[in-house]
Amino acid sequence: MPAELRTERRNQTLVLTISDPATRNTLSPQVCDAGVEALGVAESNPELRCVVITGDADHFCAGGNLQRLAANRELGREAQRAQLAKLNQLVEAIRAFPKPVIAAVEGVAAGAGFSLALACDLVVAAQDAKFIMAYNKVGLSPDGGATWHLMQALPRALALQLIWLAEPASAQQLQQLGLVNRVTDKGRALDEALRMADTLAGFAAGALASGKELVNNWPQHTLGAQLGAEQEHFVQNLFDANGGEGLQAFFDKRAPRFG
């Protein structure tokens, strides 16, 4: 049976759990399709303010299923391209999703599992979690946007070190590099990610979406273009109902009640 994606609502957060513990939650085309569909549903539901992606049991995601990859060598290049396209669609859906997406990582995040964590907006990892760009160990190259996300965050030499040497990196090491936001005790990554999601759910949805869009788009902008984009988002949020509520709450010396 291929991996499946379980969905569960926790307060205002949608939890997506990659489930195939026997393979350390390797990805499948079905998981990628279900992830894209779930994000679409969550985007249209104003009651859902955040998404958390995690793995079943003791691990986050071990990346691609090597048995399926071996079978694809018999099916041909187009079969593999079609399956990678599904992973690409999931990564792009996470990046374009206007609400926060948090990875809760226990155990191993390897190969495309590491890529998936990098695609998320925030990463919470257990102190014994291991992240590894495992591709070189089996003669393959990265996928799932790994090279793009690593180069956004790291100097070239450090990105190549992770990719070429395929050595496990700890949650603490990646936190020092700015790739992991919070490190928790073993077994507590999901709880911490949910606490973070509850905090984010208390902010204005439009302001959160603006922040994500501005951060996503900055590589394509000159300073002037980024300043212009910030200006438009600021005006949009100021004249939104939540902008009015935020200001009034400040004047009233109370906590805002954002819609």
C-alpha atoms as a PDB file:
ATOM      1  CA  MET A   1       0.000   0.000   0.000  1.00  0.00           C
ATOM      2  CA  PRO A   2       1.379   3.463  -0.862  1.00  0.00           C
ATOM      3  CA  ALA A   3       1.605   6.168   1.740  1.00  0.00           C
ATOM      4  CA  GLU A   4      -1.569   8.077   2.509  1.00  0.00           C
ATOM      5  CA  LEU A   5      -2.249  11.542   3.844  1.00  0.00           C
ATOM      6  CA  ARG A   6      -4.395  11.768   6.969  1.00  0.00           C
ATOM      7  CA  THR A   7      -6.193  15.012   7.761  1.00  0.00           C
ATOM      8  CA  GLU A   8      -7.330  16.210  11.171  1.00  0.00           C
ATOM      9  CA  ARG A   9      -8.644  19.527  12.412  1.00  0.00           C
ATOM     10  CA  ARG A  10      -7.122  20.809  15.655  1.00  0.00           C
ATOM     11  CA  ASN A  11      -8.812  24.065  16.679  1.00  0.00           C
ATOM     12  CA  GLN A  12      -8.146  26.439  13.768  1.00  0.00           C
ATOM     13  CA  THR A  13      -5.337  24.318  12.357  1.00  0.00           C
ATOM     14  CA  LEU A  14      -5.454  21.573   9.740  1.00  0.00           C
ATOM     15  CA  VAL A  15      -2.940  18.807  10.500  1.00  0.00           C
ATOM     16  CA  LEU A  16      -1.720  16.820   7.490  1.00  0.00           C
ATOM     17  CA  THR A  17       0.005  13.562   8.462  1.00  0.00           C
ATOM     18  CA  ILE A  18       2.045  11.552   5.955  1.00  0.00           C
ATOM     19  CA  SER A  19       1.368   7.956   6.922  1.00  0.00           C
ATOM     20  CA  ASP A  20       3.377   4.892   5.936  1.00  0.00           C
ATOM     21  CA  PRO A  21       5.373   4.031   9.063  1.00  0.00           C
ATOM     22  CA  ALA A  22       6.804   0.843   7.541  1.00  0.00           C
ATOM     23  CA  THR A  23       8.817   2.982   5.084  1.00  0.00           C
ATOM     24  CA  ARG A  24       9.369   5.928   7.458  1.00  0.00           C
ATOM     25  CA  ASN A  25       6.552   7.751   5.663  1.00  0.00           C
ATOM     26  CA  THR A  26       7.958   7.827   2.146  1.00  0.00           C
ATOM     27  CA  LEU A  27       6.078  10.062  -0.250  1.00  0.00           C
ATOM     28  CA  SER A  28       3.683   8.755  -2.865  1.00  0.00           C
ATOM     29  CA  PRO A  29       1.848  10.420  -5.763  1.00  0.00           C
ATOM     30  CA  GLN A  30      -1.335   9.916  -3.743  1.00  0.00           C
ATOM     31  CA  VAL A  31       0.097  11.885  -0.810  1.00  0.00           C
ATOM     32  CA  CYS A  32       1.102  14.747  -3.113  1.00  0.00           C
ATOM     33  CA  ASP A  33      -2.322  14.876  -4.785  1.00  0.00           C
ATOM     34  CA  ALA A  34      -4.092  14.744  -1.435  1.00  0.00           C
ATOM     35  CA  GLY A  35      -1.848  17.492  -0.073  1.00  0.00           C
ATOM     36  CA  VAL A  36      -2.654  19.840  -2.942  1.00  0.00           C
ATOM     37  CA  GLU A  37      -6.377  19.110  -2.516  1.00  0.00           C
ATOM     38  CA  ALA A  38      -6.257  19.637   1.259  1.00  0.00           C
ATOM     39  CA  LEU A  39      -4.492  22.980   0.895  1.00  0.00           C
ATOM     40  CA  GLY A  40      -7.133  24.090  -1.589  1.00  0.00           C
ATOM     41  CA  VAL A  41      -9.909  23.211   0.855  1.00  0.00           C
ATOM     42  CA  ALA A  42      -8.094  24.931   3.741  1.00  0.00           C
ATOM     43  CA  GLU A  43      -7.546  28.078   1.699  1.00  0.00           C
ATOM     44  CA  SER A  44     -11.278  28.439   1.038  1.00  0.00           C
ATOM     45  CA  ASN A  45     -12.233  27.826   4.685  1.00  0.00           C
ATOM     46  CA  PRO A  46     -11.831  31.013   6.767  1.00  0.00           C
ATOM     47  CA  GLU A  47     -12.087  28.981   9.975  1.00  0.00           C
ATOM     48  CA  LEU A  48      -8.812  27.225   9.154  1.00  0.00           C
ATOM     49  CA  ARG A  49      -5.985  29.654   9.872  1.00  0.00           C
ATOM     50  CA  CYS A  50      -2.879  27.419   9.701  1.00  0.00           C
ATOM     51  CA  VAL A  51      -1.653  24.078   8.387  1.00  0.00           C
ATOM     52  CA  VAL A  52       0.803  21.740  10.110  1.00  0.00           C
ATOM     53  CA  ILE A  53       2.527  18.979   8.132  1.00  0.00           C
ATOM     54  CA  THR A  54       3.937  16.046  10.086  1.00  0.00           C
ATOM     55  CA  GLY A  55       4.700  12.339   9.785  1.00  0.00           C
ATOM     56  CA  ASP A  56       3.109   9.292  11.357  1.00  0.00           C
ATOM     57  CA  ALA A  57       4.721   7.544  14.330  1.00  0.00           C
ATOM     58  CA  ASP A  58       8.462   8.184  14.807  1.00  0.00           C
ATOM     59  CA  HIS A  59       9.504   9.937  11.592  1.00  0.00           C
ATOM     60  CA  PHE A  60       8.630  12.905   9.408  1.00  0.00           C
ATOM     61  CA  CYS A  61       9.300  11.642   5.887  1.00  0.00           C
ATOM     62  CA  ALA A  62      12.061   9.531   4.330  1.00  0.00           C
ATOM     63  CA  GLY A  63      11.528  11.008   0.859  1.00  0.00           C
ATOM     64  CA  GLY A  64      10.849   8.968  -2.249  1.00  0.00           C
ATOM     65  CA  ASN A  65      10.143   5.241  -2.131  1.00  0.00           C
ATOM     66  CA  LEU A  66      13.204   3.623  -3.725  1.00  0.00           C
ATOM     67  CA  GLN A  67      11.254   0.546  -4.787  1.00  0.00           C
ATOM     68  CA  ARG A  68       8.867   2.751  -6.738  1.00  0.00           C
ATOM     69  CA  LEU A  69      11.799   4.621  -8.283  1.00  0.00           C
ATOM     70  CA  ALA A  70      13.335   1.321  -9.384  1.00  0.00           C
ATOM     71  CA  ALA A  71      10.016   0.305 -10.942  1.00  0.00           C
ATOM     72  CA  ASN A  72       9.839   3.635 -12.749  1.00  0.00           C
ATOM     73  CA  ARG A  73      13.098   2.804 -14.506  1.00  0.00           C
ATOM     74  CA  GLU A  74      11.147   0.031 -16.209  1.00  0.00           C
ATOM     75  CA  LEU A  75       8.144   2.264 -16.937  1.00  0.00           C
ATOM     76  CA  GLY A  76      10.289   4.973 -18.512  1.00  0.00           C
ATOM     77  CA  ARG A  77      11.275   8.599 -18.098  1.00  0.00           C
ATOM     78  CA  GLU A  78       7.822  10.053 -18.665  1.00  0.00           C
ATOM     79  CA  ALA A  79       6.363   8.035 -15.789  1.00  0.00           C
ATOM     80  CA  GLN A  80       8.996   9.474 -13.474  1.00  0.00           C
ATOM     81  CA  ARG A  81       8.477  12.998 -14.786  1.00  0.00           C
ATOM     82  CA  ALA A  82       4.730  12.656 -14.141  1.00  0.00           C
ATOM     83  CA  GLN A  83       5.319  11.570 -10.553  1.00  0.00           C
ATOM     84  CA  LEU A  84       7.831  14.336  -9.890  1.00  0.00           C
ATOM     85  CA  ALA A  85       5.333  16.826 -11.296  1.00  0.00           C
ATOM     86  CA  LYS A  86       2.977  15.870  -8.463  1.00  0.00           C
ATOM     87  CA  LEU A  87       5.686  16.609  -5.880  1.00  0.00           C
ATOM     88  CA  ASN A  88       6.403  19.905  -7.615  1.00  0.00           C
ATOM     89  CA  GLN A  89       2.713  20.817  -7.473  1.00  0.00           C
ATOM     90  CA  LEU A  90       2.642  20.148  -3.732  1.00  0.00           C
ATOM     91  CA  VAL A  91       5.726  22.276  -3.099  1.00  0.00           C
ATOM     92  CA  GLU A  92       4.311  25.129  -5.174  1.00  0.00           C
ATOM     93  CA  ALA A  93       0.953  24.817  -3.404  1.00  0.00           C
ATOM     94  CA  ILE A  94       2.669  25.153  -0.011  1.00  0.00           C
ATOM     95  CA  ARG A  95       4.591  28.217  -1.145  1.00  0.00           C
ATOM     96  CA  ALA A  96       1.510  29.869  -2.673  1.00  0.00           C
ATOM     97  CA  PHE A  97      -0.817  28.990   0.229  1.00  0.00           C
ATOM     98  CA  PRO A  98      -1.704  32.329   1.870  1.00  0.00           C
ATOM     99  CA  LYS A  99      -1.795  30.937   5.412  1.00  0.00           C
ATOM    100  CA  PRO A 100       1.115  29.737   7.572  1.00  0.00           C
ATOM    101  CA  VAL A 101       2.384  26.193   6.956  1.00  0.00           C
ATOM    102  CA  ILE A 102       4.477  24.640   9.737  1.00  0.00           C
ATOM    103  CA  ALA A 103       6.513  21.440   9.516  1.00  0.00           C
ATOM    104  CA  ALA A 104       6.588  19.353  12.711  1.00  0.00           C
ATOM    105  CA  VAL A 105       9.602  17.059  12.350  1.00  0.00           C
ATOM    106  CA  GLU A 106      10.337  13.977  14.428  1.00  0.00           C
ATOM    107  CA  GLY A 107      12.950  11.379  13.511  1.00  0.00           C
ATOM    108  CA  VAL A 108      14.140  11.460   9.915  1.00  0.00           C
ATOM    109  CA  ALA A 109      13.495  14.055   7.220  1.00  0.00           C
ATOM    110  CA  ALA A 110      15.443  12.682   4.256  1.00  0.00           C
ATOM    111  CA  GLY A 111      15.586  13.425   0.544  1.00  0.00           C
ATOM    112  CA  ALA A 112      12.250  14.811  -0.594  1.00  0.00           C
ATOM    113  CA  GLY A 113      11.166  14.747   3.052  1.00  0.00           C
ATOM    114  CA  PHE A 114      13.859  17.327   3.784  1.00  0.00           C
ATOM    115  CA  SER A 115      12.738  19.228   0.685  1.00  0.00           C
ATOM    116  CA  LEU A 116       9.153  19.218   1.946  1.00  0.00           C
ATOM    117  CA  ALA A 117      10.207  20.629   5.324  1.00  0.00           C
ATOM    118  CA  LEU A 118      12.200  23.364   3.564  1.00  0.00           C
ATOM    119  CA  ALA A 119       9.113  24.343   1.557  1.00  0.00           C
ATOM    120  CA  CYS A 120       7.144  25.040   4.735  1.00  0.00           C
ATOM    121  CA  ASP A 121       7.096  28.535   6.227  1.00  0.00           C
ATOM    122  CA  LEU A 122       8.302  27.474   9.681  1.00  0.00           C
ATOM    123  CA  VAL A 123       9.987  24.303  10.959  1.00  0.00           C
ATOM    124  CA  VAL A 124       9.684  22.831  14.452  1.00  0.00           C
ATOM    125  CA  ALA A 125      11.951  19.833  15.069  1.00  0.00           C
ATOM    126  CA  ALA A 126      12.550  17.422  17.904  1.00  0.00           C
ATOM    127  CA  GLN A 127      16.049  17.595  19.389  1.00  0.00           C
ATOM    128  CA  ASP A 128      16.951  14.158  17.986  1.00  0.00           C
ATOM    129  CA  ALA A 129      15.560  14.815  14.494  1.00  0.00           C
ATOM    130  CA  LYS A 130      17.933  14.266  11.574  1.00  0.00           C
ATOM    131  CA  PHE A 131      17.819  16.053   8.226  1.00  0.00           C
ATOM    132  CA  ILE A 132      19.685  14.586   5.272  1.00  0.00           C
ATOM    133  CA  MET A 133      19.925  15.336   1.568  1.00  0.00           C
ATOM    134  CA  ALA A 134      20.246  11.618   0.908  1.00  0.00           C
ATOM    135  CA  TYR A 135      20.227  11.712  -2.895  1.00  0.00           C
ATOM    136  CA  ASN A 136      23.966  11.263  -3.485  1.00  0.00           C
ATOM    137  CA  LYS A 137      23.933   8.041  -1.483  1.00  0.00           C
ATOM    138  CA  VAL A 138      21.909   6.396  -4.277  1.00  0.00           C
ATOM    139  CA  GLY A 139      23.361   8.296  -7.226  1.00  0.00           C
ATOM    140  CA  LEU A 140      20.532  10.810  -7.550  1.00  0.00           C
ATOM    141  CA  SER A 141      20.178  14.586  -7.490  1.00  0.00           C
ATOM    142  CA  PRO A 142      17.840  16.741  -5.370  1.00  0.00           C
ATOM    143  CA  ASP A 143      14.171  17.361  -6.138  1.00  0.00           C
ATOM    144  CA  GLY A 144      11.214  19.025  -4.465  1.00  0.00           C
ATOM    145  CA  GLY A 145      12.779  22.490  -4.581  1.00  0.00           C
ATOM    146  CA  ALA A 146      15.642  21.566  -2.241  1.00  0.00           C
ATOM    147  CA  THR A 147      18.336  23.438  -4.165  1.00  0.00           C
ATOM    148  CA  TRP A 148      16.151  26.564  -4.494  1.00  0.00           C
ATOM    149  CA  HIS A 149      15.278  26.700  -0.811  1.00  0.00           C
ATOM    150  CA  LEU A 150      18.793  25.902   0.380  1.00  0.00           C
ATOM    151  CA  MET A 151      20.276  28.624  -1.823  1.00  0.00           C
ATOM    152  CA  GLN A 152      17.747  31.126  -0.478  1.00  0.00           C
ATOM    153  CA  ALA A 153      19.015  30.489   3.036  1.00  0.00           C
ATOM    154  CA  LEU A 154      22.657  29.382   2.873  1.00  0.00           C
ATOM    155  CA  PRO A 155      25.969  30.317   1.284  1.00  0.00           C
ATOM    156  CA  ARG A 156      26.722  28.246  -1.819  1.00  0.00           C
ATOM    157  CA  ALA A 157      29.407  26.166  -0.118  1.00  0.00           C
ATOM    158  CA  LEU A 158      27.116  25.161   2.745  1.00  0.00           C
ATOM    159  CA  ALA A 159      24.305  24.230   0.361  1.00  0.00           C
ATOM    160  CA  LEU A 160      26.691  22.053  -1.651  1.00  0.00           C
ATOM    161  CA  GLN A 161      28.030  20.480   1.534  1.00  0.00           C
ATOM    162  CA  LEU A 162      24.539  19.328   2.507  1.00  0.00           C
ATOM    163  CA  ILE A 163      23.797  18.120  -1.037  1.00  0.00           C
ATOM    164  CA  TRP A 164      27.103  16.491  -1.950  1.00  0.00           C
ATOM    165  CA  LEU A 165      28.246  14.905   1.318  1.00  0.00           C
ATOM    166  CA  ALA A 166      24.743  13.704   2.258  1.00  0.00           C
ATOM    167  CA  GLU A 167      25.644  13.801   5.939  1.00  0.00           C
ATOM    168  CA  PRO A 168      22.854  13.955   8.545  1.00  0.00           C
ATOM    169  CA  ALA A 169      22.378  17.395  10.086  1.00  0.00           C
ATOM    170  CA  SER A 170      20.848  17.767  13.525  1.00  0.00           C
ATOM    171  CA  ALA A 171      17.940  20.020  14.401  1.00  0.00           C
ATOM    172  CA  GLN A 172      20.351  22.145  16.463  1.00  0.00           C
ATOM    173  CA  GLN A 173      22.759  22.562  13.535  1.00  0.00           C
ATOM    174  CA  LEU A 174      19.956  23.628  11.204  1.00  0.00           C
ATOM    175  CA  GLN A 175      18.582  26.009  13.818  1.00  0.00           C
ATOM    176  CA  GLN A 176      21.982  27.710  13.908  1.00  0.00           C
ATOM    177  CA  LEU A 177      21.836  27.988  10.105  1.00  0.00           C
ATOM    178  CA  GLY A 178      18.348  29.486  10.247  1.00  0.00           C
ATOM    179  CA  LEU A 179      16.555  26.515   8.644  1.00  0.00           C
ATOM    180  CA  VAL A 180      14.789  25.342  11.822  1.00  0.00           C
ATOM    181  CA  ASN A 181      12.814  27.757  13.970  1.00  0.00           C
ATOM    182  CA  ARG A 182      12.346  25.823  17.202  1.00  0.00           C
ATOM    183  CA  VAL A 183      13.834  22.672  18.735  1.00  0.00           C
ATOM    184  CA  THR A 184      11.740  20.636  21.174  1.00  0.00           C
ATOM    185  CA  ASP A 185      12.059  17.546  23.304  1.00  0.00           C
ATOM    186  CA  LYS A 186      11.587  14.233  21.505  1.00  0.00           C
ATOM    187  CA  GLY A 187       7.926  13.582  20.792  1.00  0.00           C
ATOM    188  CA  ARG A 188       6.897  17.216  21.288  1.00  0.00           C
ATOM    189  CA  ALA A 189       7.374  18.713  17.815  1.00  0.00           C
ATOM    190  CA  LEU A 190       3.700  18.479  16.860  1.00  0.00           C
ATOM    191  CA  ASP A 191       2.573  19.969  20.180  1.00  0.00           C
ATOM    192  CA  GLU A 192       4.933  22.917  19.732  1.00  0.00           C
ATOM    193  CA  ALA A 193       3.874  23.389  16.106  1.00  0.00           C
ATOM    194  CA  LEU A 194       0.233  23.462  17.204  1.00  0.00           C
ATOM    195  CA  ARG A 195       1.019  26.034  19.892  1.00  0.00           C
ATOM    196  CA  MET A 196       2.750  28.147  17.292  1.00  0.00           C
ATOM    197  CA  ALA A 197      -0.232  27.727  14.959  1.00  0.00           C
ATOM    198  CA  ASP A 198      -2.633  28.809  17.721  1.00  0.00           C
ATOM    199  CA  THR A 199      -0.565  31.961  18.204  1.00  0.00           C
ATOM    200  CA  LEU A 200      -0.576  32.720  14.481  1.00  0.00           C
ATOM    201  CA  ALA A 201      -4.337  32.083  14.313  1.00  0.00           C
ATOM    202  CA  GLY A 202      -4.805  35.053  16.635  1.00  0.00           C
ATOM    203  CA  PHE A 203      -3.346  37.505  14.115  1.00  0.00           C
ATOM    204  CA  ALA A 204      -5.052  39.122  11.150  1.00  0.00           C
ATOM    205  CA  ALA A 205      -5.205  36.668   8.250  1.00  0.00           C
ATOM    206  CA  GLY A 206      -4.627  39.379   5.651  1.00  0.00           C
ATOM    207  CA  ALA A 207      -1.501  40.643   7.363  1.00  0.00           C
ATOM    208  CA  LEU A 208      -0.087  37.114   7.584  1.00  0.00           C
ATOM    209  CA  ALA A 209      -0.833  36.509   3.904  1.00  0.00           C
ATOM    210  CA  SER A 210       0.814  39.809   2.970  1.00  0.00           C
ATOM    211  CA  GLY A 211       3.942  38.964   4.922  1.00  0.00           C
ATOM    212  CA  LYS A 212       4.248  35.578   3.205  1.00  0.00           C
ATOM    213  CA  GLU A 213       3.672  36.999  -0.267  1.00  0.00           C
ATOM    214  CA  LEU A 214       6.206  39.797   0.247  1.00  0.00           C
ATOM    215  CA  VAL A 215       8.846  37.374   1.535  1.00  0.00           C
ATOM    216  CA  ASN A 216       8.158  34.916  -1.291  1.00  0.00           C
ATOM    217  CA  ASN A 217       8.438  37.540  -4.026  1.00  0.00           C
ATOM    218  CA  TRP A 218      11.455  39.532  -2.885  1.00  0.00           C
ATOM    219  CA  PRO A 219      14.023  37.577  -4.987  1.00  0.00           C
ATOM    220  CA  GLN A 220      12.345  38.838  -8.169  1.00  0.00           C
ATOM    221  CA  HIS A 221      12.188  42.471  -6.987  1.00  0.00           C
ATOM    222  CA  THR A 222      14.533  45.395  -6.966  1.00  0.00           C
ATOM    223  CA  LEU A 223      14.480  47.446  -3.778  1.00  0.00           C
ATOM    224  CA  GLY A 224      12.168  49.920  -5.462  1.00  0.00           C
ATOM    225  CA  ALA A 225       9.760  47.208  -6.564  1.00  0.00           C
ATOM    226  CA  GLN A 226       9.768  45.667  -3.083  1.00  0.00           C
ATOM    227  CA  LEU A 227       9.088  49.047  -1.514  1.00  0.00           C
ATOM    228  CA  GLY A 228       6.154  49.502  -3.883  1.00  0.00           C
ATOM    229  CA  ALA A 229       4.777  46.060  -3.045  1.00  0.00           C
ATOM    230  CA  GLU A 230       5.090  46.756   0.682  1.00  0.00           C
ATOM    231  CA  GLN A 231       3.284  50.056   0.186  1.00  0.00           C
ATOM    232  CA  GLU A 232       0.336  48.399  -1.533  1.00  0.00           C
ATOM    233  CA  HIS A 233       0.042  45.639   1.057  1.00  0.00           C
ATOM    234  CA  PHE A 234       0.290  48.154   3.911  1.00  0.00           C
ATOM    235  CA  VAL A 235      -2.516  50.282   2.489  1.00  0.00           C
ATOM    236  CA  GLN A 236      -4.630  47.201   1.817  1.00  0.00           C
ATOM    237  CA  ASN A 237      -4.270  46.008   5.406  1.00  0.00           C
ATOM    238  CA  LEU A 238      -4.723  49.442   6.962  1.00  0.00           C
ATOM    239  CA  PHE A 239      -8.092  49.848   5.262  1.00  0.00           C
ATOM    240  CA  ASP A 240      -9.170  46.284   6.023  1.00  0.00           C
ATOM    241  CA  ALA A 241     -11.546  45.713   8.937  1.00  0.00           C
ATOM    242  CA  ASN A 242      -8.761  43.990  10.838  1.00  0.00           C
ATOM    243  CA  GLY A 243      -6.563  47.051  10.451  1.00  0.00           C
ATOM    244  CA  GLY A 244      -9.265  49.166  12.032  1.00  0.00           C
ATOM    245  CA  GLU A 245      -9.735  46.629  14.832  1.00  0.00           C
ATOM    246  CA  GLY A 246      -6.007  46.494  15.527  1.00  0.00           C
ATOM    247  CA  LEU A 247      -5.741  50.259  15.867  1.00  0.00           C
ATOM    248  CA  GLN A 248      -8.868  50.551  18.007  1.00  0.00           C
ATOM    249  CA  ALA A 249      -7.660  47.770  20.286  1.00  0.00           C
ATOM    250  CA  PHE A 250      -4.380  49.636  20.758  1.00  0.00           C
ATOM    251  CA  PHE A 251      -6.213  52.827  21.675  1.00  0.00           C
ATOM    252  CA  ASP A 252      -8.558  50.898  24.007  1.00  0.00           C
ATOM    253  CA  LYS A 253      -5.579  49.090  25.611  1.00  0.00           C
ATOM    254  CA  ARG A 254      -7.071  45.659  24.971  1.00  0.00           C
ATOM    255  CA  ALA A 255      -6.235  42.580  22.914  1.00  0.00           C
ATOM    256  CA  PRO A 256      -7.480  42.833  19.306  1.00  0.00           C
ATOM    257  CA  ARG A 257     -10.267  40.549  18.104  1.00  0.00           C
ATOM    258  CA  PHE A 258      -9.358  39.885  14.489  1.00  0.00           C
ATOM    259  CA  GLY A 259     -11.885  38.331  12.149  1.00  0.00           C
END
